[in-house]
Amino acid sequence: MNSRSICWVSLQELWNWEKCKTRIKDLRGRLGFKENHYLRFLGFKLNLEDGSIYDELNNYKLIREDNYLSQLYCILYSYAGAKEHTETGKLITSKQLQGGKFCNVMVNRAKSSITEVFGDCSKCLIECAKFFGGMEVSFSHGDCSISINPLPLIPFTIVMYEEDNEFPASAQIFFDVSIKDYLDLEKAGMLSELVADRLKQAYQKLYQKN
């Protein structure tokens, strides 16, 4: 068993429905979620009766061996422990999250993934964000900017910078400062990578690329 397999097994043992269900069920009607028997976020639909998760973007039900399952339980478990706070409108980067060195590593991976996919087509980012309720926003810098809420009360602003004569294409991810009230740094990093991966999948779906 390699290190990645060991990491996945550990994640699955720590974050499964049986261990997380009581807290996640408490999200019904809270923290931006509707009073339903399911939670919808980032193209996923979680059934609060049995914990099953359906991927509405790719049209399939997540299975026990799917890495997403444990990651989603982990993030939702952390989110469920928060109290609602007012969005501040003040944007920060992962570098400004105190003690967020490991979070910054994950966010950098997310930015690299977004750049790889959208670096040659920044406007495609807008269309892909729409799959998850995102939209284009105006921003003082960059060539294309979107706002997307991977969880109801946690907005991300993603800015694409296209390649020019001096610099290669790049992406930046900004958080509202209130993210610190909802997720710890590790979960914020995990959520960033999840957003990047979902945007990539939307791109593949929309433009039929593998």
N, C-alpha and C. Protein backbone atom coordinates (compact mmCIF):
# COMPACT_ATOMS: atom_id res chain seq x y z
N MET A 1 0.86 -1.20 0.00
CA MET A 1 0.00 0.00 0.00
C MET A 1 0.88 1.24 0.00
N ASN A 2 0.68 2.13 -0.99
CA ASN A 2 1.50 3.33 -1.07
C ASN A 2 0.98 4.42 -0.14
N SER A 3 1.74 5.53 -0.07
CA SER A 3 1.38 6.60 0.86
C SER A 3 0.04 7.24 0.53
N ARG A 4 -0.26 7.34 -0.78
CA ARG A 4 -1.55 7.92 -1.16
C ARG A 4 -2.70 7.03 -0.70
N SER A 5 -2.54 5.72 -0.82
CA SER A 5 -3.58 4.79 -0.38
C SER A 5 -3.77 4.87 1.13
N ILE A 6 -2.66 4.97 1.86
CA ILE A 6 -2.74 5.09 3.31
C ILE A 6 -3.48 6.37 3.70
N CYS A 7 -3.16 7.47 2.99
CA CYS A 7 -3.81 8.75 3.26
C CYS A 7 -5.30 8.65 3.00
N TRP A 8 -5.70 7.99 1.91
CA TRP A 8 -7.11 7.87 1.56
C TRP A 8 -7.84 7.03 2.59
N VAL A 9 -7.23 5.91 3.02
CA VAL A 9 -7.85 5.06 4.02
C VAL A 9 -8.06 5.82 5.32
N SER A 10 -7.05 6.59 5.73
CA SER A 10 -7.16 7.38 6.95
C SER A 10 -8.28 8.40 6.85
N LEU A 11 -8.39 9.05 5.69
CA LEU A 11 -9.43 10.05 5.48
C LEU A 11 -10.81 9.40 5.56
N GLN A 12 -10.93 8.23 4.95
CA GLN A 12 -12.21 7.52 4.95
C GLN A 12 -12.61 7.09 6.35
N GLU A 13 -11.64 6.67 7.14
CA GLU A 13 -11.93 6.23 8.51
C GLU A 13 -12.33 7.41 9.39
N LEU A 14 -11.73 8.55 9.15
CA LEU A 14 -12.03 9.73 9.96
C LEU A 14 -13.35 10.39 9.57
N TRP A 15 -13.62 10.41 8.26
CA TRP A 15 -14.76 11.16 7.77
C TRP A 15 -15.68 10.25 6.96
N ASN A 16 -16.64 9.68 7.64
CA ASN A 16 -17.66 8.87 6.98
C ASN A 16 -19.03 9.28 7.52
N TRP A 17 -20.08 8.80 6.88
CA TRP A 17 -21.42 9.24 7.23
C TRP A 17 -21.79 8.89 8.67
N GLU A 18 -21.43 7.72 9.11
CA GLU A 18 -21.80 7.30 10.45
C GLU A 18 -21.21 8.23 11.51
N LYS A 19 -20.01 8.69 11.29
CA LYS A 19 -19.37 9.57 12.26
C LYS A 19 -19.80 11.03 12.12
N CYS A 20 -20.24 11.40 10.93
CA CYS A 20 -20.51 12.82 10.67
C CYS A 20 -21.99 13.17 10.58
N LYS A 21 -22.86 12.17 10.50
CA LYS A 21 -24.25 12.45 10.12
C LYS A 21 -25.00 13.36 11.10
N THR A 22 -24.79 13.19 12.40
CA THR A 22 -25.54 14.00 13.35
C THR A 22 -25.27 15.49 13.15
N ARG A 23 -24.01 15.82 12.98
CA ARG A 23 -23.63 17.23 12.81
C ARG A 23 -24.04 17.75 11.44
N ILE A 24 -23.84 16.97 10.40
CA ILE A 24 -24.19 17.42 9.06
C ILE A 24 -25.70 17.59 8.92
N LYS A 25 -26.47 16.70 9.55
CA LYS A 25 -27.93 16.83 9.49
C LYS A 25 -28.40 18.16 10.10
N ASP A 26 -27.60 18.70 11.00
CA ASP A 26 -27.95 19.96 11.65
C ASP A 26 -27.85 21.15 10.69
N LEU A 27 -27.31 20.93 9.49
CA LEU A 27 -27.22 22.00 8.49
C LEU A 27 -28.56 22.27 7.81
N ARG A 28 -29.52 21.38 7.99
CA ARG A 28 -30.83 21.60 7.39
C ARG A 28 -31.41 22.93 7.87
N GLY A 29 -31.66 23.84 6.95
CA GLY A 29 -32.22 25.15 7.30
C GLY A 29 -31.25 26.09 7.98
N ARG A 30 -29.94 25.76 7.99
CA ARG A 30 -28.94 26.60 8.64
C ARG A 30 -27.83 26.98 7.67
N LEU A 31 -27.14 28.06 8.01
CA LEU A 31 -25.94 28.50 7.30
C LEU A 31 -26.16 28.57 5.79
N GLY A 32 -27.33 29.04 5.41
CA GLY A 32 -27.62 29.26 4.00
C GLY A 32 -28.27 28.10 3.29
N PHE A 33 -28.35 26.95 3.93
CA PHE A 33 -29.01 25.80 3.32
C PHE A 33 -30.52 25.88 3.55
N LYS A 34 -31.28 25.38 2.60
CA LYS A 34 -32.73 25.41 2.70
C LYS A 34 -33.24 24.30 3.62
N GLU A 35 -34.48 24.46 4.04
CA GLU A 35 -35.13 23.47 4.91
C GLU A 35 -35.62 22.31 4.04
N ASN A 36 -34.69 21.49 3.59
CA ASN A 36 -35.00 20.35 2.73
C ASN A 36 -34.43 19.07 3.32
N HIS A 37 -34.75 17.95 2.70
CA HIS A 37 -34.17 16.68 3.14
C HIS A 37 -32.83 16.42 2.45
N TYR A 38 -32.32 17.43 1.75
CA TYR A 38 -31.02 17.29 1.09
C TYR A 38 -30.28 18.63 1.14
N LEU A 39 -28.98 18.58 0.92
CA LEU A 39 -28.14 19.77 0.82
C LEU A 39 -27.59 19.86 -0.59
N ARG A 40 -27.72 21.02 -1.19
CA ARG A 40 -27.17 21.23 -2.54
C ARG A 40 -26.03 22.24 -2.47
N PHE A 41 -24.89 21.89 -3.05
CA PHE A 41 -23.73 22.79 -3.07
C PHE A 41 -22.73 22.30 -4.09
N LEU A 42 -22.18 23.22 -4.85
CA LEU A 42 -21.10 22.96 -5.81
C LEU A 42 -21.41 21.78 -6.74
N GLY A 43 -22.66 21.67 -7.14
CA GLY A 43 -23.04 20.61 -8.07
C GLY A 43 -23.23 19.25 -7.42
N PHE A 44 -23.26 19.21 -6.09
CA PHE A 44 -23.52 17.97 -5.37
C PHE A 44 -24.87 18.06 -4.67
N LYS A 45 -25.50 16.90 -4.47
CA LYS A 45 -26.77 16.83 -3.74
C LYS A 45 -26.64 15.72 -2.70
N LEU A 46 -26.59 16.13 -1.43
CA LEU A 46 -26.42 15.18 -0.33
C LEU A 46 -27.78 14.88 0.30
N ASN A 47 -28.13 13.60 0.33
CA ASN A 47 -29.38 13.15 0.95
C ASN A 47 -29.17 13.05 2.46
N LEU A 48 -29.93 13.83 3.21
CA LEU A 48 -29.76 13.85 4.67
C LEU A 48 -30.34 12.63 5.36
N GLU A 49 -31.05 11.80 4.63
CA GLU A 49 -31.60 10.58 5.23
C GLU A 49 -30.54 9.49 5.34
N ASP A 50 -29.78 9.32 4.27
CA ASP A 50 -28.80 8.22 4.26
C ASP A 50 -27.37 8.66 3.97
N GLY A 51 -27.14 9.96 3.74
CA GLY A 51 -25.79 10.45 3.50
C GLY A 51 -25.27 10.24 2.09
N SER A 52 -26.07 9.68 1.22
CA SER A 52 -25.62 9.46 -0.15
C SER A 52 -25.47 10.81 -0.86
N ILE A 53 -24.52 10.87 -1.77
CA ILE A 53 -24.24 12.11 -2.48
C ILE A 53 -24.31 11.85 -3.99
N TYR A 54 -25.10 12.66 -4.66
CA TYR A 54 -25.23 12.55 -6.11
C TYR A 54 -24.50 13.72 -6.76
N ASP A 55 -23.67 13.40 -7.75
CA ASP A 55 -22.94 14.41 -8.51
C ASP A 55 -23.84 14.86 -9.65
N GLU A 56 -24.45 16.04 -9.50
CA GLU A 56 -25.39 16.52 -10.50
C GLU A 56 -24.69 17.05 -11.75
N LEU A 57 -23.42 17.35 -11.67
CA LEU A 57 -22.67 17.79 -12.83
C LEU A 57 -22.39 16.62 -13.77
N ASN A 58 -21.96 15.51 -13.18
CA ASN A 58 -21.56 14.34 -13.98
C ASN A 58 -22.59 13.23 -13.99
N ASN A 59 -23.69 13.44 -13.27
CA ASN A 59 -24.82 12.50 -13.28
C ASN A 59 -24.46 11.09 -12.80
N TYR A 60 -23.91 11.03 -11.60
CA TYR A 60 -23.69 9.72 -10.99
C TYR A 60 -23.65 9.84 -9.47
N LYS A 61 -23.93 8.73 -8.82
CA LYS A 61 -23.92 8.68 -7.36
C LYS A 61 -22.54 8.30 -6.87
N LEU A 62 -22.00 9.08 -5.95
CA LEU A 62 -20.68 8.78 -5.42
C LEU A 62 -20.70 7.45 -4.69
N ILE A 63 -19.66 6.67 -4.89
CA ILE A 63 -19.55 5.38 -4.21
C ILE A 63 -18.57 5.49 -3.06
N ARG A 64 -18.55 4.46 -2.22
CA ARG A 64 -17.74 4.48 -1.00
C ARG A 64 -16.26 4.72 -1.30
N GLU A 65 -15.78 4.22 -2.43
CA GLU A 65 -14.37 4.34 -2.76
C GLU A 65 -14.01 5.69 -3.37
N ASP A 66 -15.00 6.53 -3.62
CA ASP A 66 -14.74 7.83 -4.23
C ASP A 66 -14.14 8.79 -3.20
N ASN A 67 -13.00 9.37 -3.54
CA ASN A 67 -12.32 10.29 -2.62
C ASN A 67 -13.19 11.47 -2.22
N TYR A 68 -14.04 11.91 -3.14
CA TYR A 68 -14.90 13.05 -2.86
C TYR A 68 -15.76 12.84 -1.62
N LEU A 69 -16.22 11.63 -1.42
CA LEU A 69 -17.17 11.35 -0.35
C LEU A 69 -16.62 11.79 1.01
N SER A 70 -15.43 11.34 1.34
CA SER A 70 -14.83 11.69 2.63
C SER A 70 -14.49 13.17 2.71
N GLN A 71 -14.02 13.75 1.61
CA GLN A 71 -13.68 15.16 1.60
C GLN A 71 -14.91 16.02 1.86
N LEU A 72 -16.01 15.68 1.22
CA LEU A 72 -17.24 16.45 1.39
C LEU A 72 -17.78 16.33 2.80
N TYR A 73 -17.77 15.13 3.37
CA TYR A 73 -18.20 14.97 4.76
C TYR A 73 -17.31 15.80 5.69
N CYS A 74 -16.03 15.78 5.43
CA CYS A 74 -15.05 16.51 6.26
C CYS A 74 -15.34 18.01 6.23
N ILE A 75 -15.52 18.57 5.03
CA ILE A 75 -15.76 20.00 4.89
C ILE A 75 -17.10 20.39 5.51
N LEU A 76 -18.14 19.60 5.25
CA LEU A 76 -19.47 19.92 5.78
C LEU A 76 -19.51 19.81 7.30
N TYR A 77 -18.79 18.84 7.84
CA TYR A 77 -18.73 18.66 9.30
C TYR A 77 -18.15 19.92 9.95
N SER A 78 -17.09 20.44 9.35
CA SER A 78 -16.47 21.66 9.87
C SER A 78 -17.41 22.86 9.72
N TYR A 79 -18.02 22.99 8.57
CA TYR A 79 -18.94 24.10 8.29
C TYR A 79 -20.12 24.08 9.26
N ALA A 80 -20.62 22.89 9.57
CA ALA A 80 -21.79 22.76 10.44
C ALA A 80 -21.52 23.24 11.85
N GLY A 81 -20.27 23.30 12.25
CA GLY A 81 -19.94 23.73 13.60
C GLY A 81 -19.85 25.23 13.77
N ALA A 82 -20.08 25.97 12.69
CA ALA A 82 -19.94 27.43 12.73
C ALA A 82 -21.27 28.11 13.05
N LYS A 83 -21.17 29.37 13.42
CA LYS A 83 -22.33 30.24 13.57
C LYS A 83 -22.32 31.23 12.42
N GLU A 84 -23.51 31.67 12.02
CA GLU A 84 -23.60 32.57 10.88
C GLU A 84 -23.00 33.93 11.19
N HIS A 85 -22.19 34.42 10.24
CA HIS A 85 -21.57 35.74 10.36
C HIS A 85 -21.86 36.56 9.10
N THR A 86 -21.85 37.84 9.23
CA THR A 86 -22.10 38.72 8.10
C THR A 86 -20.89 38.75 7.18
N GLU A 87 -21.15 38.64 5.89
CA GLU A 87 -20.08 38.76 4.91
C GLU A 87 -19.50 40.17 4.98
N THR A 88 -18.19 40.28 5.01
CA THR A 88 -17.55 41.58 5.23
C THR A 88 -17.31 42.36 3.96
N GLY A 89 -17.14 41.65 2.84
CA GLY A 89 -16.78 42.34 1.61
C GLY A 89 -15.29 42.62 1.50
N LYS A 90 -14.55 42.30 2.55
CA LYS A 90 -13.10 42.47 2.54
C LYS A 90 -12.45 41.19 2.03
N LEU A 91 -11.70 41.30 0.95
CA LEU A 91 -11.10 40.12 0.33
C LEU A 91 -9.66 39.92 0.79
N ILE A 92 -9.30 38.68 1.01
CA ILE A 92 -7.94 38.32 1.42
C ILE A 92 -7.48 37.11 0.62
N THR A 93 -6.18 36.87 0.61
CA THR A 93 -5.63 35.67 -0.01
C THR A 93 -5.25 34.68 1.08
N SER A 94 -4.89 33.48 0.67
CA SER A 94 -4.50 32.46 1.65
C SER A 94 -3.27 32.89 2.44
N LYS A 95 -2.44 33.71 1.86
CA LYS A 95 -1.24 34.18 2.57
C LYS A 95 -1.60 35.07 3.76
N GLN A 96 -2.78 35.63 3.73
CA GLN A 96 -3.21 36.52 4.81
C GLN A 96 -3.97 35.79 5.92
N LEU A 97 -4.14 34.49 5.75
CA LEU A 97 -4.75 33.69 6.80
C LEU A 97 -3.66 33.30 7.79
N GLN A 98 -3.74 33.75 8.99
CA GLN A 98 -2.69 33.54 9.98
C GLN A 98 -2.47 32.06 10.22
N GLY A 99 -1.21 31.64 10.10
CA GLY A 99 -0.88 30.24 10.31
C GLY A 99 -1.29 29.34 9.18
N GLY A 100 -1.55 29.95 8.00
CA GLY A 100 -2.10 29.19 6.89
C GLY A 100 -1.09 28.66 5.90
N LYS A 101 0.08 28.25 6.38
CA LYS A 101 1.12 27.78 5.46
C LYS A 101 0.66 26.57 4.67
N PHE A 102 0.08 25.58 5.34
CA PHE A 102 -0.36 24.37 4.63
C PHE A 102 -1.56 24.69 3.75
N CYS A 103 -2.44 25.56 4.25
CA CYS A 103 -3.58 26.01 3.44
C CYS A 103 -3.07 26.67 2.17
N ASN A 104 -2.03 27.47 2.28
CA ASN A 104 -1.48 28.17 1.13
C ASN A 104 -0.96 27.20 0.08
N VAL A 105 -0.39 26.09 0.53
CA VAL A 105 0.10 25.06 -0.41
C VAL A 105 -1.07 24.51 -1.23
N MET A 106 -2.18 24.19 -0.55
CA MET A 106 -3.34 23.64 -1.26
C MET A 106 -3.96 24.68 -2.18
N VAL A 107 -4.02 25.92 -1.74
CA VAL A 107 -4.57 26.98 -2.58
C VAL A 107 -3.69 27.20 -3.80
N ASN A 108 -2.40 27.10 -3.64
CA ASN A 108 -1.49 27.23 -4.78
C ASN A 108 -1.71 26.12 -5.80
N ARG A 109 -1.99 24.92 -5.30
CA ARG A 109 -2.29 23.82 -6.22
C ARG A 109 -3.59 24.12 -6.98
N ALA A 110 -4.57 24.67 -6.26
CA ALA A 110 -5.84 25.02 -6.89
C ALA A 110 -5.63 26.09 -7.97
N LYS A 111 -4.83 27.09 -7.66
CA LYS A 111 -4.56 28.17 -8.63
C LYS A 111 -3.84 27.63 -9.86
N SER A 112 -2.91 26.72 -9.65
CA SER A 112 -2.19 26.12 -10.78
C SER A 112 -3.14 25.34 -11.67
N SER A 113 -4.06 24.61 -11.05
CA SER A 113 -5.04 23.83 -11.82
C SER A 113 -5.94 24.75 -12.64
N ILE A 114 -6.41 25.82 -12.03
CA ILE A 114 -7.28 26.78 -12.73
C ILE A 114 -6.52 27.43 -13.89
N THR A 115 -5.27 27.78 -13.65
CA THR A 115 -4.46 28.39 -14.70
C THR A 115 -4.25 27.43 -15.87
N GLU A 116 -3.98 26.18 -15.54
CA GLU A 116 -3.76 25.17 -16.58
C GLU A 116 -4.99 25.02 -17.48
N VAL A 117 -6.16 25.05 -16.87
CA VAL A 117 -7.40 24.85 -17.63
C VAL A 117 -7.83 26.11 -18.37
N PHE A 118 -7.77 27.26 -17.69
CA PHE A 118 -8.37 28.48 -18.23
C PHE A 118 -7.37 29.54 -18.70
N GLY A 119 -6.10 29.21 -18.63
CA GLY A 119 -5.08 30.20 -19.00
C GLY A 119 -5.18 30.68 -20.43
N ASP A 120 -5.64 29.79 -21.32
CA ASP A 120 -5.78 30.17 -22.74
C ASP A 120 -7.18 30.63 -23.09
N CYS A 121 -8.09 30.56 -22.12
CA CYS A 121 -9.48 30.92 -22.39
C CYS A 121 -10.12 31.42 -21.11
N SER A 122 -9.74 32.60 -20.67
CA SER A 122 -10.21 33.09 -19.38
C SER A 122 -11.73 33.27 -19.36
N LYS A 123 -12.33 33.63 -20.50
CA LYS A 123 -13.77 33.83 -20.54
C LYS A 123 -14.53 32.52 -20.34
N CYS A 124 -13.89 31.40 -20.63
CA CYS A 124 -14.52 30.10 -20.40
C CYS A 124 -14.81 29.89 -18.92
N LEU A 125 -14.02 30.54 -18.07
CA LEU A 125 -14.20 30.42 -16.63
C LEU A 125 -15.59 30.91 -16.22
N ILE A 126 -16.08 31.94 -16.89
CA ILE A 126 -17.40 32.49 -16.57
C ILE A 126 -18.48 31.46 -16.84
N GLU A 127 -18.41 30.82 -18.01
CA GLU A 127 -19.42 29.82 -18.38
C GLU A 127 -19.38 28.61 -17.45
N CYS A 128 -18.19 28.22 -17.05
CA CYS A 128 -18.06 27.06 -16.16
C CYS A 128 -18.57 27.37 -14.76
N ALA A 129 -18.35 28.61 -14.32
CA ALA A 129 -18.82 29.01 -12.99
C ALA A 129 -20.34 28.96 -12.90
N LYS A 130 -21.01 29.19 -14.03
CA LYS A 130 -22.47 29.20 -14.04
C LYS A 130 -23.06 27.84 -13.68
N PHE A 131 -22.31 26.77 -13.90
CA PHE A 131 -22.78 25.44 -13.51
C PHE A 131 -23.05 25.37 -12.01
N PHE A 132 -22.36 26.21 -11.25
CA PHE A 132 -22.44 26.16 -9.79
C PHE A 132 -23.03 27.45 -9.21
N GLY A 133 -23.77 28.18 -10.02
CA GLY A 133 -24.40 29.40 -9.55
C GLY A 133 -23.47 30.59 -9.51
N GLY A 134 -22.28 30.45 -10.08
CA GLY A 134 -21.32 31.55 -10.09
C GLY A 134 -21.63 32.56 -11.18
N MET A 135 -20.94 33.68 -11.15
CA MET A 135 -21.19 34.73 -12.14
C MET A 135 -19.95 35.62 -12.29
N GLU A 136 -19.93 36.33 -13.39
CA GLU A 136 -18.83 37.27 -13.63
C GLU A 136 -19.00 38.48 -12.73
N VAL A 137 -17.90 39.00 -12.22
CA VAL A 137 -17.92 40.20 -11.40
C VAL A 137 -16.83 41.14 -11.89
N SER A 138 -16.99 42.41 -11.58
CA SER A 138 -15.95 43.39 -11.94
C SER A 138 -14.88 43.38 -10.86
N PHE A 139 -13.65 43.50 -11.28
CA PHE A 139 -12.53 43.50 -10.34
C PHE A 139 -11.49 44.46 -10.86
N SER A 140 -10.76 45.07 -9.96
CA SER A 140 -9.81 46.11 -10.36
C SER A 140 -8.61 45.59 -11.13
N HIS A 141 -8.36 44.30 -11.04
CA HIS A 141 -7.23 43.71 -11.74
C HIS A 141 -7.69 42.47 -12.50
N GLY A 142 -6.82 41.99 -13.39
CA GLY A 142 -7.11 40.76 -14.09
C GLY A 142 -7.92 40.96 -15.35
N ASP A 143 -8.02 39.88 -16.15
CA ASP A 143 -8.75 39.92 -17.41
C ASP A 143 -10.14 39.32 -17.30
N CYS A 144 -10.37 38.54 -16.26
CA CYS A 144 -11.67 37.90 -16.07
C CYS A 144 -11.81 37.56 -14.58
N SER A 145 -12.98 37.85 -14.01
CA SER A 145 -13.19 37.59 -12.58
C SER A 145 -14.56 36.98 -12.37
N ILE A 146 -14.64 36.00 -11.49
CA ILE A 146 -15.92 35.39 -11.15
C ILE A 146 -16.10 35.34 -9.63
N SER A 147 -17.35 35.26 -9.23
CA SER A 147 -17.68 35.01 -7.83
C SER A 147 -18.46 33.70 -7.79
N ILE A 148 -18.10 32.83 -6.86
CA ILE A 148 -18.75 31.53 -6.74
C ILE A 148 -18.83 31.16 -5.27
N ASN A 149 -19.93 30.57 -4.86
CA ASN A 149 -20.11 30.14 -3.47
C ASN A 149 -20.06 28.61 -3.40
N PRO A 150 -18.92 28.04 -3.07
CA PRO A 150 -18.86 26.59 -2.93
C PRO A 150 -19.72 26.08 -1.78
N LEU A 151 -19.88 26.88 -0.74
CA LEU A 151 -20.84 26.66 0.33
C LEU A 151 -21.65 27.95 0.45
N PRO A 152 -22.90 27.85 0.90
CA PRO A 152 -23.82 29.00 0.81
C PRO A 152 -23.28 30.33 1.32
N LEU A 153 -22.55 30.32 2.44
CA LEU A 153 -22.10 31.57 3.03
C LEU A 153 -20.60 31.82 2.86
N ILE A 154 -19.98 31.05 1.96
CA ILE A 154 -18.55 31.21 1.73
C ILE A 154 -18.32 31.56 0.26
N PRO A 155 -18.12 32.85 -0.03
CA PRO A 155 -17.85 33.26 -1.41
C PRO A 155 -16.36 33.19 -1.75
N PHE A 156 -16.09 32.76 -2.97
CA PHE A 156 -14.74 32.81 -3.54
C PHE A 156 -14.77 33.80 -4.69
N THR A 157 -13.74 34.60 -4.81
CA THR A 157 -13.53 35.42 -6.01
C THR A 157 -12.28 34.90 -6.71
N ILE A 158 -12.45 34.50 -7.96
CA ILE A 158 -11.33 33.96 -8.73
C ILE A 158 -11.03 34.91 -9.87
N VAL A 159 -9.78 35.31 -9.97
CA VAL A 159 -9.35 36.28 -10.97
C VAL A 159 -8.33 35.62 -11.90
N MET A 160 -8.57 35.73 -13.21
CA MET A 160 -7.65 35.19 -14.20
C MET A 160 -6.84 36.32 -14.85
N TYR A 161 -5.56 36.08 -14.96
CA TYR A 161 -4.67 37.01 -15.65
C TYR A 161 -4.14 36.28 -16.89
N GLU A 162 -4.45 36.81 -18.05
CA GLU A 162 -4.00 36.16 -19.27
C GLU A 162 -2.52 36.44 -19.52
N GLU A 163 -1.92 35.59 -20.30
CA GLU A 163 -0.50 35.74 -20.63
C GLU A 163 -0.28 37.03 -21.44
N ASP A 164 0.79 37.71 -21.12
CA ASP A 164 1.17 38.88 -21.93
C ASP A 164 2.66 38.80 -22.24
N ASN A 165 3.22 39.89 -22.72
CA ASN A 165 4.63 39.89 -23.13
C ASN A 165 5.59 39.74 -21.95
N GLU A 166 5.11 40.03 -20.76
CA GLU A 166 5.98 40.01 -19.59
C GLU A 166 5.73 38.84 -18.65
N PHE A 167 4.47 38.42 -18.53
CA PHE A 167 4.14 37.40 -17.53
C PHE A 167 3.30 36.28 -18.13
N PRO A 168 3.46 35.08 -17.61
CA PRO A 168 2.61 33.97 -18.05
C PRO A 168 1.21 34.10 -17.45
N ALA A 169 0.28 33.32 -17.93
CA ALA A 169 -1.08 33.33 -17.38
C ALA A 169 -1.04 32.87 -15.92
N SER A 170 -1.95 33.40 -15.12
CA SER A 170 -2.01 33.01 -13.71
C SER A 170 -3.41 33.24 -13.17
N ALA A 171 -3.70 32.61 -12.04
CA ALA A 171 -5.00 32.77 -11.38
C ALA A 171 -4.75 33.17 -9.93
N GLN A 172 -5.69 33.89 -9.37
CA GLN A 172 -5.64 34.25 -7.96
C GLN A 172 -7.00 33.94 -7.34
N ILE A 173 -6.97 33.45 -6.12
CA ILE A 173 -8.19 33.14 -5.39
C ILE A 173 -8.27 34.06 -4.17
N PHE A 174 -9.39 34.73 -4.03
CA PHE A 174 -9.63 35.61 -2.89
C PHE A 174 -10.79 35.08 -2.07
N PHE A 175 -10.66 35.21 -0.76
CA PHE A 175 -11.72 34.81 0.16
C PHE A 175 -12.26 36.05 0.86
N ASP A 176 -13.53 36.02 1.22
CA ASP A 176 -14.02 37.02 2.16
C ASP A 176 -13.39 36.70 3.51
N VAL A 177 -13.02 37.72 4.25
CA VAL A 177 -12.32 37.51 5.52
C VAL A 177 -13.16 36.66 6.49
N SER A 178 -14.46 36.60 6.28
CA SER A 178 -15.34 35.82 7.15
C SER A 178 -15.13 34.32 7.03
N ILE A 179 -14.36 33.86 6.04
CA ILE A 179 -14.12 32.43 5.90
C ILE A 179 -13.51 31.84 7.17
N LYS A 180 -12.78 32.68 7.90
CA LYS A 180 -12.14 32.23 9.15
C LYS A 180 -13.17 31.85 10.21
N ASP A 181 -14.40 32.36 10.05
CA ASP A 181 -15.46 32.04 11.01
C ASP A 181 -16.19 30.75 10.67
N TYR A 182 -15.93 30.22 9.48
CA TYR A 182 -16.65 29.04 9.02
C TYR A 182 -15.81 27.77 8.91
N LEU A 183 -14.55 27.93 8.47
CA LEU A 183 -13.70 26.77 8.24
C LEU A 183 -12.32 27.00 8.83
N ASP A 184 -11.71 25.92 9.31
CA ASP A 184 -10.31 26.06 9.71
C ASP A 184 -9.46 26.09 8.44
N LEU A 185 -8.18 26.33 8.59
CA LEU A 185 -7.32 26.55 7.43
C LEU A 185 -7.21 25.33 6.54
N GLU A 186 -7.14 24.16 7.14
CA GLU A 186 -7.04 22.94 6.34
C GLU A 186 -8.27 22.76 5.46
N LYS A 187 -9.45 22.98 6.03
CA LYS A 187 -10.69 22.80 5.26
C LYS A 187 -10.82 23.88 4.18
N ALA A 188 -10.34 25.09 4.47
CA ALA A 188 -10.36 26.14 3.46
C ALA A 188 -9.49 25.75 2.27
N GLY A 189 -8.35 25.14 2.54
CA GLY A 189 -7.49 24.66 1.47
C GLY A 189 -8.13 23.53 0.69
N MET A 190 -8.75 22.60 1.41
CA MET A 190 -9.44 21.49 0.75
C MET A 190 -10.55 22.00 -0.15
N LEU A 191 -11.30 22.99 0.33
CA LEU A 191 -12.40 23.54 -0.44
C LEU A 191 -11.88 24.22 -1.70
N SER A 192 -10.75 24.88 -1.61
CA SER A 192 -10.15 25.55 -2.77
C SER A 192 -9.80 24.53 -3.85
N GLU A 193 -9.20 23.43 -3.45
CA GLU A 193 -8.85 22.40 -4.43
C GLU A 193 -10.10 21.77 -5.03
N LEU A 194 -11.14 21.63 -4.22
CA LEU A 194 -12.39 21.07 -4.71
C LEU A 194 -13.02 22.00 -5.76
N VAL A 195 -13.01 23.30 -5.49
CA VAL A 195 -13.55 24.27 -6.44
C VAL A 195 -12.80 24.19 -7.77
N ALA A 196 -11.48 24.14 -7.71
CA ALA A 196 -10.67 24.06 -8.93
C ALA A 196 -10.99 22.80 -9.71
N ASP A 197 -11.15 21.70 -9.01
CA ASP A 197 -11.44 20.43 -9.67
C ASP A 197 -12.82 20.45 -10.32
N ARG A 198 -13.80 21.05 -9.63
CA ARG A 198 -15.15 21.11 -10.19
C ARG A 198 -15.20 22.03 -11.41
N LEU A 199 -14.48 23.11 -11.39
CA LEU A 199 -14.42 24.00 -12.54
C LEU A 199 -13.78 23.29 -13.73
N LYS A 200 -12.77 22.50 -13.46
CA LYS A 200 -12.12 21.72 -14.52
C LYS A 200 -13.12 20.72 -15.12
N GLN A 201 -13.88 20.06 -14.27
CA GLN A 201 -14.87 19.09 -14.76
C GLN A 201 -15.95 19.79 -15.58
N ALA A 202 -16.36 20.98 -15.15
CA ALA A 202 -17.36 21.74 -15.90
C ALA A 202 -16.80 22.12 -17.28
N TYR A 203 -15.54 22.47 -17.32
CA TYR A 203 -14.89 22.80 -18.59
C TYR A 203 -14.88 21.59 -19.52
N GLN A 204 -14.54 20.44 -18.97
CA GLN A 204 -14.51 19.22 -19.78
C GLN A 204 -15.91 18.87 -20.30
N LYS A 205 -16.89 19.09 -19.45
CA LYS A 205 -18.27 18.80 -19.85
C LYS A 205 -18.77 19.78 -20.91
N LEU A 206 -18.51 21.06 -20.70
CA LEU A 206 -19.01 22.10 -21.58
C LEU A 206 -18.32 22.07 -22.95
N TYR A 207 -17.03 21.80 -22.93
CA TYR A 207 -16.28 21.85 -24.18
C TYR A 207 -15.86 20.46 -24.67
N GLN A 208 -16.38 19.43 -23.98
CA GLN A 208 -16.18 18.04 -24.38
C GLN A 208 -14.71 17.71 -24.59
N LYS A 209 -13.93 18.08 -23.57
CA LYS A 209 -12.50 17.80 -23.61
C LYS A 209 -12.16 16.80 -22.52
N ASN A 210 -11.17 15.94 -22.76
CA ASN A 210 -10.76 14.93 -21.78
C ASN A 210 -9.46 15.33 -21.13
